[in-house]
Amino acid sequence: MKNNPFGMDPAMMNASPMLTWWQQQWIKGANPMAQMQAAWMESLAEAMKFEAQFLKAVAESGQQMTDCLNNEEHATPQELQACYQRLVEQMTDAQHKRMEQAVELSVDFRKRLWEEI
């Protein structure tokens, strides 16, 4: 018998591992809609992570643009253009990476759903 730290019913405390096991089995086998929803939620979490990475790249690009415009070293238009061009390339790369991840996410989501079906 386990130690009863919080005044829990002893029978319930001893049944806890069995209830945990039962819940896992119920989710795995008895409720396919819950499994499909879990697959959808995993894909949604990944999409949010990718979007957060893209927003971070946008913020960093904005900060670098501000630094270029405020920097006294980039006094000539050519230097400003080079700085701007570098930032455009970084943003283009970030957008391409975002789109690649979106395509992969779509394929992964379909695989997850197919596995659940």
PDB file of N, CA and C in Angstrom:
ATOM      1  N   MET A   1       0.846  -1.179   0.000  1.00  0.00           N
ATOM      2  CA  MET A   1       0.000   0.000   0.000  1.00  0.00           C
ATOM      3  C   MET A   1       0.891   1.242   0.000  1.00  0.00           C
ATOM      4  N   LYS A   2       0.442   2.263  -0.704  1.00  0.00           N
ATOM      5  CA  LYS A   2       1.213   3.491  -0.830  1.00  0.00           C
ATOM      6  C   LYS A   2       0.981   4.404   0.362  1.00  0.00           C
ATOM      7  N   ASN A   3       1.907   5.318   0.550  1.00  0.00           N
ATOM      8  CA  ASN A   3       1.789   6.331   1.592  1.00  0.00           C
ATOM      9  C   ASN A   3       0.683   7.310   1.193  1.00  0.00           C
ATOM     10  N   ASN A   4      -0.125   7.738   2.127  1.00  0.00           N
ATOM     11  CA  ASN A   4      -1.272   8.588   1.861  1.00  0.00           C
ATOM     12  C   ASN A   4      -0.967  10.016   2.315  1.00  0.00           C
ATOM     13  N   PRO A   5      -0.306  10.835   1.465  1.00  0.00           N
ATOM     14  CA  PRO A   5       0.132  12.160   1.913  1.00  0.00           C
ATOM     15  C   PRO A   5      -0.974  13.208   2.000  1.00  0.00           C
ATOM     16  N   PHE A   6      -2.051  13.083   1.224  1.00  0.00           N
ATOM     17  CA  PHE A   6      -3.044  14.149   1.167  1.00  0.00           C
ATOM     18  C   PHE A   6      -4.434  13.717   1.620  1.00  0.00           C
ATOM     19  N   GLY A   7      -4.526  12.655   2.376  1.00  0.00           N
ATOM     20  CA  GLY A   7      -5.811  12.210   2.874  1.00  0.00           C
ATOM     21  C   GLY A   7      -6.690  11.613   1.793  1.00  0.00           C
ATOM     22  N   MET A   8      -6.092  11.074   0.735  1.00  0.00           N
ATOM     23  CA  MET A   8      -6.825  10.478  -0.356  1.00  0.00           C
ATOM     24  C   MET A   8      -7.386   9.122   0.071  1.00  0.00           C
ATOM     25  N   ASP A   9      -8.486   8.732  -0.496  1.00  0.00           N
ATOM     26  CA  ASP A   9      -9.066   7.421  -0.222  1.00  0.00           C
ATOM     27  C   ASP A   9      -8.051   6.344  -0.625  1.00  0.00           C
ATOM     28  N   PRO A  10      -7.702   5.407   0.279  1.00  0.00           N
ATOM     29  CA  PRO A  10      -6.685   4.393  -0.040  1.00  0.00           C
ATOM     30  C   PRO A  10      -7.033   3.552  -1.257  1.00  0.00           C
ATOM     31  N   ALA A  11      -8.287   3.217  -1.430  1.00  0.00           N
ATOM     32  CA  ALA A  11      -8.671   2.408  -2.592  1.00  0.00           C
ATOM     33  C   ALA A  11      -8.431   3.179  -3.887  1.00  0.00           C
ATOM     34  N   MET A  12      -8.754   4.463  -3.902  1.00  0.00           N
ATOM     35  CA  MET A  12      -8.551   5.297  -5.084  1.00  0.00           C
ATOM     36  C   MET A  12      -7.064   5.486  -5.368  1.00  0.00           C
ATOM     37  N   MET A  13      -6.287   5.646  -4.297  1.00  0.00           N
ATOM     38  CA  MET A  13      -4.856   5.847  -4.453  1.00  0.00           C
ATOM     39  C   MET A  13      -4.206   4.598  -5.061  1.00  0.00           C
ATOM     40  N   ASN A  14      -4.642   3.423  -4.654  1.00  0.00           N
ATOM     41  CA  ASN A  14      -4.081   2.180  -5.188  1.00  0.00           C
ATOM     42  C   ASN A  14      -4.583   1.903  -6.605  1.00  0.00           C
ATOM     43  N   ALA A  15      -5.724   2.448  -6.958  1.00  0.00           N
ATOM     44  CA  ALA A  15      -6.290   2.231  -8.287  1.00  0.00           C
ATOM     45  C   ALA A  15      -5.736   3.210  -9.320  1.00  0.00           C
ATOM     46  N   SER A  16      -5.014   4.217  -8.889  1.00  0.00           N
ATOM     47  CA  SER A  16      -4.529   5.251  -9.790  1.00  0.00           C
ATOM     48  C   SER A  16      -3.727   4.704 -10.980  1.00  0.00           C
ATOM     49  N   PRO A  17      -2.783   3.786 -10.790  1.00  0.00           N
ATOM     50  CA  PRO A  17      -2.064   3.252 -11.956  1.00  0.00           C
ATOM     51  C   PRO A  17      -3.001   2.543 -12.939  1.00  0.00           C
ATOM     52  N   MET A  18      -3.991   1.854 -12.414  1.00  0.00           N
ATOM     53  CA  MET A  18      -4.944   1.156 -13.269  1.00  0.00           C
ATOM     54  C   MET A  18      -5.791   2.155 -14.058  1.00  0.00           C
ATOM     55  N   LEU A  19      -6.212   3.247 -13.400  1.00  0.00           N
ATOM     56  CA  LEU A  19      -6.989   4.266 -14.106  1.00  0.00           C
ATOM     57  C   LEU A  19      -6.160   4.947 -15.190  1.00  0.00           C
ATOM     58  N   THR A  20      -4.903   5.201 -14.897  1.00  0.00           N
ATOM     59  CA  THR A  20      -4.017   5.805 -15.887  1.00  0.00           C
ATOM     60  C   THR A  20      -3.875   4.892 -17.093  1.00  0.00           C
ATOM     61  N   TRP A  21      -3.649   3.609 -16.835  1.00  0.00           N
ATOM     62  CA  TRP A  21      -3.532   2.634 -17.920  1.00  0.00           C
ATOM     63  C   TRP A  21      -4.817   2.583 -18.726  1.00  0.00           C
ATOM     64  N   TRP A  22      -5.957   2.579 -18.050  1.00  0.00           N
ATOM     65  CA  TRP A  22      -7.244   2.501 -18.734  1.00  0.00           C
ATOM     66  C   TRP A  22      -7.460   3.719 -19.621  1.00  0.00           C
ATOM     67  N   GLN A  23      -7.095   4.898 -19.138  1.00  0.00           N
ATOM     68  CA  GLN A  23      -7.266   6.103 -19.941  1.00  0.00           C
ATOM     69  C   GLN A  23      -6.415   6.054 -21.202  1.00  0.00           C
ATOM     70  N   GLN A  24      -5.193   5.560 -21.055  1.00  0.00           N
ATOM     71  CA  GLN A  24      -4.316   5.450 -22.224  1.00  0.00           C
ATOM     72  C   GLN A  24      -4.911   4.485 -23.245  1.00  0.00           C
ATOM     73  N   GLN A  25      -5.426   3.351 -22.785  1.00  0.00           N
ATOM     74  CA  GLN A  25      -6.015   2.373 -23.693  1.00  0.00           C
ATOM     75  C   GLN A  25      -7.284   2.916 -24.337  1.00  0.00           C
ATOM     76  N   TRP A  26      -8.066   3.657 -23.581  1.00  0.00           N
ATOM     77  CA  TRP A  26      -9.307   4.223 -24.111  1.00  0.00           C
ATOM     78  C   TRP A  26      -9.007   5.204 -25.224  1.00  0.00           C
ATOM     79  N   ILE A  27      -8.004   6.046 -25.005  1.00  0.00           N
ATOM     80  CA  ILE A  27      -7.643   7.023 -26.030  1.00  0.00           C
ATOM     81  C   ILE A  27      -7.081   6.329 -27.261  1.00  0.00           C
ATOM     82  N   LYS A  28      -6.296   5.284 -27.062  1.00  0.00           N
ATOM     83  CA  LYS A  28      -5.676   4.594 -28.196  1.00  0.00           C
ATOM     84  C   LYS A  28      -6.685   3.829 -29.042  1.00  0.00           C
ATOM     85  N   GLY A  29      -7.640   3.150 -28.407  1.00  0.00           N
ATOM     86  CA  GLY A  29      -8.475   2.248 -29.180  1.00  0.00           C
ATOM     87  C   GLY A  29      -9.930   2.607 -29.308  1.00  0.00           C
ATOM     88  N   ALA A  30     -10.506   3.171 -28.314  1.00  0.00           N
ATOM     89  CA  ALA A  30     -11.958   3.309 -28.297  1.00  0.00           C
ATOM     90  C   ALA A  30     -12.455   4.606 -28.898  1.00  0.00           C
ATOM     91  N   ASN A  31     -11.591   5.561 -29.120  1.00  0.00           N
ATOM     92  CA  ASN A  31     -12.070   6.862 -29.561  1.00  0.00           C
ATOM     93  C   ASN A  31     -11.239   7.394 -30.727  1.00  0.00           C
ATOM     94  N   PRO A  32     -11.535   6.959 -31.959  1.00  0.00           N
ATOM     95  CA  PRO A  32     -10.729   7.425 -33.100  1.00  0.00           C
ATOM     96  C   PRO A  32     -10.835   8.925 -33.351  1.00  0.00           C
ATOM     97  N   MET A  33     -11.978   9.526 -33.010  1.00  0.00           N
ATOM     98  CA  MET A  33     -12.097  10.974 -33.199  1.00  0.00           C
ATOM     99  C   MET A  33     -11.119  11.724 -32.291  1.00  0.00           C
ATOM    100  N   ALA A  34     -10.931  11.221 -31.079  1.00  0.00           N
ATOM    101  CA  ALA A  34      -9.959  11.852 -30.180  1.00  0.00           C
ATOM    102  C   ALA A  34      -8.549  11.710 -30.739  1.00  0.00           C
ATOM    103  N   GLN A  35      -8.258  10.559 -31.347  1.00  0.00           N
ATOM    104  CA  GLN A  35      -6.940  10.365 -31.948  1.00  0.00           C
ATOM    105  C   GLN A  35      -6.733  11.302 -33.125  1.00  0.00           C
ATOM    106  N   MET A  36      -7.767  11.468 -33.956  1.00  0.00           N
ATOM    107  CA  MET A  36      -7.635  12.378 -35.091  1.00  0.00           C
ATOM    108  C   MET A  36      -7.506  13.814 -34.608  1.00  0.00           C
ATOM    109  N   GLN A  37      -8.216  14.152 -33.558  1.00  0.00           N
ATOM    110  CA  GLN A  37      -8.094  15.496 -33.014  1.00  0.00           C
ATOM    111  C   GLN A  37      -6.695  15.707 -32.426  1.00  0.00           C
ATOM    112  N   ALA A  38      -6.137  14.673 -31.782  1.00  0.00           N
ATOM    113  CA  ALA A  38      -4.775  14.785 -31.249  1.00  0.00           C
ATOM    114  C   ALA A  38      -3.771  14.984 -32.386  1.00  0.00           C
ATOM    115  N   ALA A  39      -3.953  14.267 -33.494  1.00  0.00           N
ATOM    116  CA  ALA A  39      -3.070  14.443 -34.658  1.00  0.00           C
ATOM    117  C   ALA A  39      -3.197  15.857 -35.209  1.00  0.00           C
ATOM    118  N   TRP A  40      -4.418  16.375 -35.268  1.00  0.00           N
ATOM    119  CA  TRP A  40      -4.639  17.734 -35.744  1.00  0.00           C
ATOM    120  C   TRP A  40      -3.977  18.751 -34.814  1.00  0.00           C
ATOM    121  N   MET A  41      -4.095  18.523 -33.509  1.00  0.00           N
ATOM    122  CA  MET A  41      -3.495  19.437 -32.531  1.00  0.00           C
ATOM    123  C   MET A  41      -1.971  19.419 -32.628  1.00  0.00           C
ATOM    124  N   GLU A  42      -1.382  18.242 -32.866  1.00  0.00           N
ATOM    125  CA  GLU A  42       0.066  18.168 -33.037  1.00  0.00           C
ATOM    126  C   GLU A  42       0.494  18.971 -34.264  1.00  0.00           C
ATOM    127  N   SER A  43      -0.247  18.832 -35.346  1.00  0.00           N
ATOM    128  CA  SER A  43       0.071  19.584 -36.561  1.00  0.00           C
ATOM    129  C   SER A  43      -0.104  21.079 -36.339  1.00  0.00           C
ATOM    130  N   LEU A  44      -1.132  21.442 -35.616  1.00  0.00           N
ATOM    131  CA  LEU A  44      -1.362  22.856 -35.312  1.00  0.00           C
ATOM    132  C   LEU A  44      -0.224  23.423 -34.462  1.00  0.00           C
ATOM    133  N   ALA A  45       0.239  22.642 -33.489  1.00  0.00           N
ATOM    134  CA  ALA A  45       1.353  23.093 -32.650  1.00  0.00           C
ATOM    135  C   ALA A  45       2.620  23.288 -33.492  1.00  0.00           C
ATOM    136  N   GLU A  46       2.857  22.385 -34.432  1.00  0.00           N
ATOM    137  CA  GLU A  46       4.022  22.536 -35.306  1.00  0.00           C
ATOM    138  C   GLU A  46       3.876  23.779 -36.191  1.00  0.00           C
ATOM    139  N   ALA A  47       2.671  24.011 -36.712  1.00  0.00           N
ATOM    140  CA  ALA A  47       2.448  25.190 -37.552  1.00  0.00           C
ATOM    141  C   ALA A  47       2.688  26.469 -36.758  1.00  0.00           C
ATOM    142  N   MET A  48       2.242  26.490 -35.522  1.00  0.00           N
ATOM    143  CA  MET A  48       2.460  27.667 -34.683  1.00  0.00           C
ATOM    144  C   MET A  48       3.941  27.870 -34.412  1.00  0.00           C
ATOM    145  N   LYS A  49       4.677  26.775 -34.253  1.00  0.00           N
ATOM    146  CA  LYS A  49       6.119  26.881 -34.043  1.00  0.00           C
ATOM    147  C   LYS A  49       6.800  27.464 -35.277  1.00  0.00           C
ATOM    148  N   PHE A  50       6.393  27.003 -36.465  1.00  0.00           N
ATOM    149  CA  PHE A  50       6.977  27.522 -37.702  1.00  0.00           C
ATOM    150  C   PHE A  50       6.653  28.999 -37.880  1.00  0.00           C
ATOM    151  N   GLU A  51       5.425  29.381 -37.564  1.00  0.00           N
ATOM    152  CA  GLU A  51       5.042  30.783 -37.687  1.00  0.00           C
ATOM    153  C   GLU A  51       5.817  31.651 -36.695  1.00  0.00           C
ATOM    154  N   ALA A  52       6.038  31.128 -35.502  1.00  0.00           N
ATOM    155  CA  ALA A  52       6.819  31.876 -34.510  1.00  0.00           C
ATOM    156  C   ALA A  52       8.253  32.072 -34.994  1.00  0.00           C
ATOM    157  N   GLN A  53       8.811  31.055 -35.626  1.00  0.00           N
ATOM    158  CA  GLN A  53      10.162  31.185 -36.178  1.00  0.00           C
ATOM    159  C   GLN A  53      10.193  32.251 -37.276  1.00  0.00           C
ATOM    160  N   PHE A  54       9.161  32.268 -38.117  1.00  0.00           N
ATOM    161  CA  PHE A  54       9.105  33.270 -39.186  1.00  0.00           C
ATOM    162  C   PHE A  54       8.938  34.676 -38.601  1.00  0.00           C
ATOM    163  N   LEU A  55       8.075  34.821 -37.612  1.00  0.00           N
ATOM    164  CA  LEU A  55       7.885  36.134 -36.989  1.00  0.00           C
ATOM    165  C   LEU A  55       9.164  36.614 -36.310  1.00  0.00           C
ATOM    166  N   LYS A  56       9.931  35.676 -35.761  1.00  0.00           N
ATOM    167  CA  LYS A  56      11.216  36.033 -35.173  1.00  0.00           C
ATOM    168  C   LYS A  56      12.159  36.555 -36.258  1.00  0.00           C
ATOM    169  N   ALA A  57      12.164  35.894 -37.418  1.00  0.00           N
ATOM    170  CA  ALA A  57      13.008  36.346 -38.527  1.00  0.00           C
ATOM    171  C   ALA A  57      12.575  37.732 -39.004  1.00  0.00           C
ATOM    172  N   VAL A  58      11.269  37.988 -39.044  1.00  0.00           N
ATOM    173  CA  VAL A  58      10.766  39.306 -39.448  1.00  0.00           C
ATOM    174  C   VAL A  58      11.224  40.374 -38.450  1.00  0.00           C
ATOM    175  N   ALA A  59      11.101  40.060 -37.162  1.00  0.00           N
ATOM    176  CA  ALA A  59      11.509  41.025 -36.132  1.00  0.00           C
ATOM    177  C   ALA A  59      13.006  41.309 -36.197  1.00  0.00           C
ATOM    178  N   GLU A  60      13.801  40.260 -36.390  1.00  0.00           N
ATOM    179  CA  GLU A  60      15.248  40.454 -36.490  1.00  0.00           C
ATOM    180  C   GLU A  60      15.595  41.283 -37.723  1.00  0.00           C
ATOM    181  N   SER A  61      14.887  41.039 -38.818  1.00  0.00           N
ATOM    182  CA  SER A  61      15.130  41.812 -40.035  1.00  0.00           C
ATOM    183  C   SER A  61      14.780  43.283 -39.821  1.00  0.00           C
ATOM    184  N   GLY A  62      13.682  43.535 -39.145  1.00  0.00           N
ATOM    185  CA  GLY A  62      13.301  44.912 -38.843  1.00  0.00           C
ATOM    186  C   GLY A  62      14.331  45.605 -37.973  1.00  0.00           C
ATOM    187  N   GLN A  63      14.853  44.873 -37.001  1.00  0.00           N
ATOM    188  CA  GLN A  63      15.885  45.439 -36.132  1.00  0.00           C
ATOM    189  C   GLN A  63      17.157  45.750 -36.924  1.00  0.00           C
ATOM    190  N   GLN A  64      17.536  44.833 -37.807  1.00  0.00           N
ATOM    191  CA  GLN A  64      18.724  45.062 -38.622  1.00  0.00           C
ATOM    192  C   GLN A  64      18.523  46.235 -39.577  1.00  0.00           C
ATOM    193  N   MET A  65      17.300  46.379 -40.108  1.00  0.00           N
ATOM    194  CA  MET A  65      17.013  47.515 -40.987  1.00  0.00           C
ATOM    195  C   MET A  65      17.135  48.829 -40.215  1.00  0.00           C
ATOM    196  N   THR A  66      16.622  48.846 -39.006  1.00  0.00           N
ATOM    197  CA  THR A  66      16.742  50.038 -38.160  1.00  0.00           C
ATOM    198  C   THR A  66      18.211  50.348 -37.894  1.00  0.00           C
ATOM    199  N   ASP A  67      18.987  49.305 -37.612  1.00  0.00           N
ATOM    200  CA  ASP A  67      20.418  49.501 -37.376  1.00  0.00           C
ATOM    201  C   ASP A  67      21.113  50.060 -38.618  1.00  0.00           C
ATOM    202  N   CYS A  68      20.721  49.556 -39.798  1.00  0.00           N
ATOM    203  CA  CYS A  68      21.326  50.063 -41.037  1.00  0.00           C
ATOM    204  C   CYS A  68      20.999  51.534 -41.243  1.00  0.00           C
ATOM    205  N   LEU A  69      19.755  51.904 -40.983  1.00  0.00           N
ATOM    206  CA  LEU A  69      19.352  53.295 -41.218  1.00  0.00           C
ATOM    207  C   LEU A  69      19.941  54.247 -40.182  1.00  0.00           C
ATOM    208  N   ASN A  70      20.136  53.770 -38.962  1.00  0.00           N
ATOM    209  CA  ASN A  70      20.678  54.621 -37.898  1.00  0.00           C
ATOM    210  C   ASN A  70      22.200  54.630 -37.845  1.00  0.00           C
ATOM    211  N   ASN A  71      22.820  53.734 -38.594  1.00  0.00           N
ATOM    212  CA  ASN A  71      24.263  53.595 -38.553  1.00  0.00           C
ATOM    213  C   ASN A  71      24.913  54.696 -39.395  1.00  0.00           C
ATOM    214  N   GLU A  72      25.795  55.407 -38.787  1.00  0.00           N
ATOM    215  CA  GLU A  72      26.485  56.501 -39.481  1.00  0.00           C
ATOM    216  C   GLU A  72      27.485  55.965 -40.510  1.00  0.00           C
ATOM    217  N   GLU A  73      27.898  54.711 -40.353  1.00  0.00           N
ATOM    218  CA  GLU A  73      28.881  54.144 -41.287  1.00  0.00           C
ATOM    219  C   GLU A  73      28.278  53.955 -42.675  1.00  0.00           C
ATOM    220  N   HIS A  74      26.964  53.697 -42.740  1.00  0.00           N
ATOM    221  CA  HIS A  74      26.296  53.496 -44.024  1.00  0.00           C
ATOM    222  C   HIS A  74      25.764  54.839 -44.541  1.00  0.00           C
ATOM    223  N   ALA A  75      26.674  55.730 -44.788  1.00  0.00           N
ATOM    224  CA  ALA A  75      26.269  57.083 -45.186  1.00  0.00           C
ATOM    225  C   ALA A  75      25.922  57.164 -46.670  1.00  0.00           C
ATOM    226  N   THR A  76      26.514  56.320 -47.472  1.00  0.00           N
ATOM    227  CA  THR A  76      26.274  56.418 -48.917  1.00  0.00           C
ATOM    228  C   THR A  76      25.049  55.581 -49.308  1.00  0.00           C
ATOM    229  N   PRO A  77      24.402  55.970 -50.376  1.00  0.00           N
ATOM    230  CA  PRO A  77      23.243  55.196 -50.842  1.00  0.00           C
ATOM    231  C   PRO A  77      23.603  53.760 -51.235  1.00  0.00           C
ATOM    232  N   GLN A  78      24.819  53.560 -51.731  1.00  0.00           N
ATOM    233  CA  GLN A  78      25.237  52.216 -52.127  1.00  0.00           C
ATOM    234  C   GLN A  78      25.335  51.290 -50.912  1.00  0.00           C
ATOM    235  N   GLU A  79      25.843  51.821 -49.824  1.00  0.00           N
ATOM    236  CA  GLU A  79      25.954  51.011 -48.604  1.00  0.00           C
ATOM    237  C   GLU A  79      24.575  50.691 -48.037  1.00  0.00           C
ATOM    238  N   LEU A  80      23.672  51.659 -48.087  1.00  0.00           N
ATOM    239  CA  LEU A  80      22.305  51.406 -47.645  1.00  0.00           C
ATOM    240  C   LEU A  80      21.623  50.366 -48.531  1.00  0.00           C
ATOM    241  N   GLN A  81      21.878  50.456 -49.835  1.00  0.00           N
ATOM    242  CA  GLN A  81      21.293  49.493 -50.757  1.00  0.00           C
ATOM    243  C   GLN A  81      21.832  48.091 -50.479  1.00  0.00           C
ATOM    244  N   ALA A  82      23.136  47.980 -50.213  1.00  0.00           N
ATOM    245  CA  ALA A  82      23.724  46.674 -49.911  1.00  0.00           C
ATOM    246  C   ALA A  82      23.120  46.087 -48.625  1.00  0.00           C
ATOM    247  N   CYS A  83      22.944  46.934 -47.637  1.00  0.00           N
ATOM    248  CA  CYS A  83      22.335  46.490 -46.377  1.00  0.00           C
ATOM    249  C   CYS A  83      20.896  46.027 -46.626  1.00  0.00           C
ATOM    250  N   TYR A  84      20.148  46.824 -47.359  1.00  0.00           N
ATOM    251  CA  TYR A  84      18.760  46.492 -47.668  1.00  0.00           C
ATOM    252  C   TYR A  84      18.686  45.197 -48.474  1.00  0.00           C
ATOM    253  N   GLN A  85      19.565  45.031 -49.445  1.00  0.00           N
ATOM    254  CA  GLN A  85      19.585  43.834 -50.282  1.00  0.00           C
ATOM    255  C   GLN A  85      19.856  42.580 -49.439  1.00  0.00           C
ATOM    256  N   ARG A  86      20.787  42.703 -48.504  1.00  0.00           N
ATOM    257  CA  ARG A  86      21.102  41.583 -47.616  1.00  0.00           C
ATOM    258  C   ARG A  86      19.867  41.190 -46.789  1.00  0.00           C
ATOM    259  N   LEU A  87      19.151  42.194 -46.302  1.00  0.00           N
ATOM    260  CA  LEU A  87      17.956  41.925 -45.500  1.00  0.00           C
ATOM    261  C   LEU A  87      16.842  41.304 -46.338  1.00  0.00           C
ATOM    262  N   VAL A  88      16.708  41.763 -47.583  1.00  0.00           N
ATOM    263  CA  VAL A  88      15.702  41.182 -48.474  1.00  0.00           C
ATOM    264  C   VAL A  88      16.024  39.718 -48.735  1.00  0.00           C
ATOM    265  N   GLU A  89      17.277  39.399 -48.923  1.00  0.00           N
ATOM    266  CA  GLU A  89      17.685  38.008 -49.133  1.00  0.00           C
ATOM    267  C   GLU A  89      17.383  37.158 -47.895  1.00  0.00           C
ATOM    268  N   GLN A  90      17.649  37.699 -46.718  1.00  0.00           N
ATOM    269  CA  GLN A  90      17.346  36.967 -45.483  1.00  0.00           C
ATOM    270  C   GLN A  90      15.844  36.704 -45.353  1.00  0.00           C
ATOM    271  N   MET A  91      15.038  37.706 -45.656  1.00  0.00           N
ATOM    272  CA  MET A  91      13.592  37.534 -45.567  1.00  0.00           C
ATOM    273  C   MET A  91      13.082  36.559 -46.624  1.00  0.00           C
ATOM    274  N   THR A  92      13.669  36.605 -47.813  1.00  0.00           N
ATOM    275  CA  THR A  92      13.284  35.664 -48.863  1.00  0.00           C
ATOM    276  C   THR A  92      13.598  34.244 -48.433  1.00  0.00           C
ATOM    277  N   ASP A  93      14.778  34.040 -47.858  1.00  0.00           N
ATOM    278  CA  ASP A  93      15.143  32.710 -47.357  1.00  0.00           C
ATOM    279  C   ASP A  93      14.198  32.258 -46.245  1.00  0.00           C
ATOM    280  N   ALA A  94      13.839  33.168 -45.353  1.00  0.00           N
ATOM    281  CA  ALA A  94      12.917  32.821 -44.265  1.00  0.00           C
ATOM    282  C   ALA A  94      11.547  32.448 -44.818  1.00  0.00           C
ATOM    283  N   GLN A  95      11.096  33.168 -45.848  1.00  0.00           N
ATOM    284  CA  GLN A  95       9.796  32.866 -46.451  1.00  0.00           C
ATOM    285  C   GLN A  95       9.833  31.524 -47.172  1.00  0.00           C
ATOM    286  N   HIS A  96      10.929  31.230 -47.874  1.00  0.00           N
ATOM    287  CA  HIS A  96      11.058  29.932 -48.545  1.00  0.00           C
ATOM    288  C   HIS A  96      11.052  28.797 -47.522  1.00  0.00           C
ATOM    289  N   LYS A  97      11.767  28.989 -46.437  1.00  0.00           N
ATOM    290  CA  LYS A  97      11.794  27.972 -45.380  1.00  0.00           C
ATOM    291  C   LYS A  97      10.397  27.774 -44.796  1.00  0.00           C
ATOM    292  N   ARG A  98       9.684  28.880 -44.607  1.00  0.00           N
ATOM    293  CA  ARG A  98       8.314  28.813 -44.084  1.00  0.00           C
ATOM    294  C   ARG A  98       7.417  28.017 -45.024  1.00  0.00           C
ATOM    295  N   MET A  99       7.519  28.273 -46.317  1.00  0.00           N
ATOM    296  CA  MET A  99       6.685  27.561 -47.286  1.00  0.00           C
ATOM    297  C   MET A  99       7.044  26.081 -47.369  1.00  0.00           C
ATOM    298  N   GLU A 100       8.329  25.761 -47.298  1.00  0.00           N
ATOM    299  CA  GLU A 100       8.748  24.353 -47.297  1.00  0.00           C
ATOM    300  C   GLU A 100       8.179  23.637 -46.079  1.00  0.00           C
ATOM    301  N   GLN A 101       8.240  24.294 -44.937  1.00  0.00           N
ATOM    302  CA  GLN A 101       7.707  23.687 -43.720  1.00  0.00           C
ATOM    303  C   GLN A 101       6.193  23.515 -43.817  1.00  0.00           C
ATOM    304  N   ALA A 102       5.501  24.452 -44.447  1.00  0.00           N
ATOM    305  CA  ALA A 102       4.053  24.333 -44.607  1.00  0.00           C
ATOM    306  C   ALA A 102       3.696  23.139 -45.492  1.00  0.00           C
ATOM    307  N   VAL A 103       4.470  22.932 -46.552  1.00  0.00           N
ATOM    308  CA  VAL A 103       4.226  21.783 -47.426  1.00  0.00           C
ATOM    309  C   VAL A 103       4.487  20.485 -46.670  1.00  0.00           C
ATOM    310  N   GLU A 104       5.605  20.431 -45.948  1.00  0.00           N
ATOM    311  CA  GLU A 104       5.921  19.228 -45.166  1.00  0.00           C
ATOM    312  C   GLU A 104       4.857  18.974 -44.100  1.00  0.00           C
ATOM    313  N   LEU A 105       4.377  20.038 -43.497  1.00  0.00           N
ATOM    314  CA  LEU A 105       3.359  19.902 -42.458  1.00  0.00           C
ATOM    315  C   LEU A 105       2.081  19.308 -43.029  1.00  0.00           C
ATOM    316  N   SER A 106       1.695  19.731 -44.225  1.00  0.00           N
ATOM    317  CA  SER A 106       0.509  19.197 -44.870  1.00  0.00           C
ATOM    318  C   SER A 106       0.652  17.700 -45.134  1.00  0.00           C
ATOM    319  N   VAL A 107       1.815  17.305 -45.628  1.00  0.00           N
ATOM    320  CA  VAL A 107       2.066  15.882 -45.893  1.00  0.00           C
ATOM    321  C   VAL A 107       2.081  15.094 -44.582  1.00  0.00           C
ATOM    322  N   ASP A 108       2.752  15.630 -43.552  1.00  0.00           N
ATOM    323  CA  ASP A 108       2.802  14.950 -42.257  1.00  0.00           C
ATOM    324  C   ASP A 108       1.417  14.814 -41.646  1.00  0.00           C
ATOM    325  N   PHE A 109       0.602  15.851 -41.794  1.00  0.00           N
ATOM    326  CA  PHE A 109      -0.754  15.801 -41.245  1.00  0.00           C
ATOM    327  C   PHE A 109      -1.571  14.710 -41.931  1.00  0.00           C
ATOM    328  N   ARG A 110      -1.457  14.621 -43.246  1.00  0.00           N
ATOM    329  CA  ARG A 110      -2.179  13.562 -43.970  1.00  0.00           C
ATOM    330  C   ARG A 110      -1.698  12.183 -43.541  1.00  0.00           C
ATOM    331  N   LYS A 111      -0.392  12.022 -43.334  1.00  0.00           N
ATOM    332  CA  LYS A 111       0.137  10.735 -42.863  1.00  0.00           C
ATOM    333  C   LYS A 111      -0.414  10.393 -41.485  1.00  0.00           C
ATOM    334  N   ARG A 112      -0.428  11.378 -40.593  1.00  0.00           N
ATOM    335  CA  ARG A 112      -0.958  11.146 -39.243  1.00  0.00           C
ATOM    336  C   ARG A 112      -2.421  10.734 -39.282  1.00  0.00           C
ATOM    337  N   LEU A 113      -3.202  11.457 -40.098  1.00  0.00           N
ATOM    338  CA  LEU A 113      -4.622  11.104 -40.195  1.00  0.00           C
ATOM    339  C   LEU A 113      -4.811   9.711 -40.781  1.00  0.00           C
ATOM    340  N   TRP A 114      -4.034   9.390 -41.802  1.00  0.00           N
ATOM    341  CA  TRP A 114      -4.155   8.076 -42.419  1.00  0.00           C
ATOM    342  C   TRP A 114      -3.794   6.982 -41.407  1.00  0.00           C
ATOM    343  N   GLU A 115      -2.766   7.213 -40.616  1.00  0.00           N
ATOM    344  CA  GLU A 115      -2.385   6.232 -39.598  1.00  0.00           C
ATOM    345  C   GLU A 115      -3.486   6.053 -38.566  1.00  0.00           C
ATOM    346  N   GLU A 116      -4.196   7.133 -38.245  1.00  0.00           N
ATOM    347  CA  GLU A 116      -5.268   7.045 -37.253  1.00  0.00           C
ATOM    348  C   GLU A 116      -6.497   6.347 -37.804  1.00  0.00           C
ATOM    349  N   ILE A 117      -6.698   6.487 -39.120  1.00  0.00           N
ATOM    350  CA  ILE A 117      -7.875   5.842 -39.734  1.00  0.00           C
ATOM    351  C   ILE A 117      -7.608   4.359 -39.799  1.00  0.00           C
TER     352      ILE A 117
END
